[in-house]
């Protein structure tokens, strides 16, 4: 997971090292974003050719430490990252 920090948004690049399969669950990533233990973002991201890009508005989150966690479609934790948000 690569993160770009901009004034009004967070840009994410999710990349898989596994080949795309016919199993739709294997080509999905569940991404959650939480601050202070409260979930503010939760979505299923479909990987196209093993990658996906998305942008999250910083207005969705309060100030504090944002924890982004990526899970496989089968709910195994893949990656976790902490990012400081100031409001």
C-alpha atoms as a PDB file:
ATOM      1  CA  UNK A   1       0.000   0.000   0.000  1.00  0.00           C
ATOM      2  CA  UNK A   2       1.534   3.292  -1.089  1.00  0.00           C
ATOM      3  CA  UNK A   3       0.068   6.494   0.308  1.00  0.00           C
ATOM      4  CA  UNK A   4       0.241  10.005  -1.110  1.00  0.00           C
ATOM      5  CA  UNK A   5      -0.605  12.813   1.284  1.00  0.00           C
ATOM      6  CA  UNK A   6      -2.215  15.915  -0.214  1.00  0.00           C
ATOM      7  CA  UNK A   7      -3.834  18.947   1.396  1.00  0.00           C
ATOM      8  CA  UNK A   8      -7.413  17.718   0.928  1.00  0.00           C
ATOM      9  CA  UNK A   9      -7.079  13.991   0.219  1.00  0.00           C
ATOM     10  CA  UNK A  10      -5.120  10.801   0.682  1.00  0.00           C
ATOM     11  CA  UNK A  11      -4.154   8.893  -2.452  1.00  0.00           C
ATOM     12  CA  UNK A  12      -3.712   5.120  -2.166  1.00  0.00           C
ATOM     13  CA  UNK A  13      -2.131   2.594  -4.483  1.00  0.00           C
ATOM     14  CA  UNK A  14      -2.850  -1.040  -3.644  1.00  0.00           C
ATOM     15  CA  UNK A  15      -0.721  -3.629  -5.444  1.00  0.00           C
ATOM     16  CA  UNK A  16      -0.882  -7.412  -5.258  1.00  0.00           C
ATOM     17  CA  UNK A  17       1.956  -9.764  -6.115  1.00  0.00           C
ATOM     18  CA  UNK A  18      -0.514 -12.538  -6.912  1.00  0.00           C
ATOM     19  CA  UNK A  19      -1.855 -13.285 -10.355  1.00  0.00           C
ATOM     20  CA  UNK A  20      -5.459 -12.331 -11.144  1.00  0.00           C
ATOM     21  CA  UNK A  21      -7.772 -15.351 -10.919  1.00  0.00           C
ATOM     22  CA  UNK A  22     -11.345 -16.243 -11.849  1.00  0.00           C
ATOM     23  CA  UNK A  23     -12.235 -16.204  -8.141  1.00  0.00           C
ATOM     24  CA  UNK A  24     -13.708 -12.721  -7.525  1.00  0.00           C
ATOM     25  CA  UNK A  25     -12.986 -12.845  -3.774  1.00  0.00           C
ATOM     26  CA  UNK A  26      -9.289 -13.461  -4.492  1.00  0.00           C
ATOM     27  CA  UNK A  27      -9.191 -10.228  -6.509  1.00  0.00           C
ATOM     28  CA  UNK A  28     -10.682  -8.040  -3.764  1.00  0.00           C
ATOM     29  CA  UNK A  29      -9.217  -6.128  -0.848  1.00  0.00           C
ATOM     30  CA  UNK A  30     -11.246  -4.881   2.101  1.00  0.00           C
ATOM     31  CA  UNK A  31      -9.914  -1.494   3.223  1.00  0.00           C
ATOM     32  CA  UNK A  32     -10.833   0.042   6.562  1.00  0.00           C
ATOM     33  CA  UNK A  33      -9.855   3.440   7.912  1.00  0.00           C
ATOM     34  CA  UNK A  34     -10.279   4.266  11.585  1.00  0.00           C
ATOM     35  CA  UNK A  35      -9.362   7.053  13.960  1.00  0.00           C
ATOM     36  CA  UNK A  36      -9.494   6.544  17.713  1.00  0.00           C
ATOM     37  CA  UNK A  37     -10.950   3.051  17.297  1.00  0.00           C
ATOM     38  CA  UNK A  38     -13.958   4.292  15.303  1.00  0.00           C
ATOM     39  CA  UNK A  39     -14.323   3.158  11.684  1.00  0.00           C
ATOM     40  CA  UNK A  40     -14.860   6.051   9.259  1.00  0.00           C
ATOM     41  CA  UNK A  41     -14.159   4.189   6.018  1.00  0.00           C
ATOM     42  CA  UNK A  42     -14.879   0.604   5.013  1.00  0.00           C
ATOM     43  CA  UNK A  43     -15.076  -0.602   1.425  1.00  0.00           C
ATOM     44  CA  UNK A  44     -14.326  -3.549  -0.829  1.00  0.00           C
ATOM     45  CA  UNK A  45     -11.783  -2.601  -3.497  1.00  0.00           C
ATOM     46  CA  UNK A  46     -11.600  -4.679  -6.660  1.00  0.00           C
ATOM     47  CA  UNK A  47      -8.085  -5.124  -8.007  1.00  0.00           C
ATOM     48  CA  UNK A  48      -7.782  -4.766 -11.774  1.00  0.00           C
ATOM     49  CA  UNK A  49      -4.635  -6.406 -13.161  1.00  0.00           C
ATOM     50  CA  UNK A  50      -3.397  -6.749  -9.585  1.00  0.00           C
ATOM     51  CA  UNK A  51      -3.722  -3.105  -8.581  1.00  0.00           C
ATOM     52  CA  UNK A  52      -6.154  -0.383  -7.607  1.00  0.00           C
ATOM     53  CA  UNK A  53      -5.897   3.340  -6.968  1.00  0.00           C
ATOM     54  CA  UNK A  54      -8.279   5.401  -4.921  1.00  0.00           C
ATOM     55  CA  UNK A  55      -8.505   8.745  -3.195  1.00  0.00           C
ATOM     56  CA  UNK A  56     -10.061   9.427   0.183  1.00  0.00           C
ATOM     57  CA  UNK A  57     -11.183  12.893   1.187  1.00  0.00           C
ATOM     58  CA  UNK A  58      -9.609  14.006   4.457  1.00  0.00           C
ATOM     59  CA  UNK A  59     -13.009  15.479   5.347  1.00  0.00           C
ATOM     60  CA  UNK A  60     -14.215  11.906   6.052  1.00  0.00           C
ATOM     61  CA  UNK A  61     -11.915  11.678   9.070  1.00  0.00           C
ATOM     62  CA  UNK A  62     -11.380  13.740  12.217  1.00  0.00           C
ATOM     63  CA  UNK A  63      -7.885  14.865  13.130  1.00  0.00           C
ATOM     64  CA  UNK A  64      -5.652  12.293  14.772  1.00  0.00           C
ATOM     65  CA  UNK A  65      -3.926   9.097  13.797  1.00  0.00           C
ATOM     66  CA  UNK A  66      -5.574   7.328  10.869  1.00  0.00           C
ATOM     67  CA  UNK A  67      -5.099   3.581  10.826  1.00  0.00           C
ATOM     68  CA  UNK A  68      -5.559   2.070   7.365  1.00  0.00           C
ATOM     69  CA  UNK A  69      -5.805  -1.714   7.230  1.00  0.00           C
ATOM     70  CA  UNK A  70      -6.049  -3.846   4.103  1.00  0.00           C
ATOM     71  CA  UNK A  71      -7.585  -7.310   4.390  1.00  0.00           C
ATOM     72  CA  UNK A  72      -7.843 -10.022   1.757  1.00  0.00           C
ATOM     73  CA  UNK A  73     -11.276 -10.948   0.447  1.00  0.00           C
ATOM     74  CA  UNK A  74     -11.096 -13.816   2.942  1.00  0.00           C
ATOM     75  CA  UNK A  75     -10.491 -11.360   5.813  1.00  0.00           C
ATOM     76  CA  UNK A  76      -6.799 -12.076   6.377  1.00  0.00           C
ATOM     77  CA  UNK A  77      -4.854  -8.952   7.334  1.00  0.00           C
ATOM     78  CA  UNK A  78      -2.477  -7.953   4.531  1.00  0.00           C
ATOM     79  CA  UNK A  79      -1.087  -4.589   5.580  1.00  0.00           C
ATOM     80  CA  UNK A  80      -1.517  -1.923   8.211  1.00  0.00           C
ATOM     81  CA  UNK A  81      -0.400   1.709   8.141  1.00  0.00           C
ATOM     82  CA  UNK A  82      -0.619   4.687  10.487  1.00  0.00           C
ATOM     83  CA  UNK A  83      -0.911   8.258   9.161  1.00  0.00           C
ATOM     84  CA  UNK A  84      -1.171  11.540  11.036  1.00  0.00           C
ATOM     85  CA  UNK A  85      -4.132  13.730  10.077  1.00  0.00           C
ATOM     86  CA  UNK A  86      -4.352  17.333  11.194  1.00  0.00           C
ATOM     87  CA  UNK A  87      -7.566  19.323  10.910  1.00  0.00           C
END
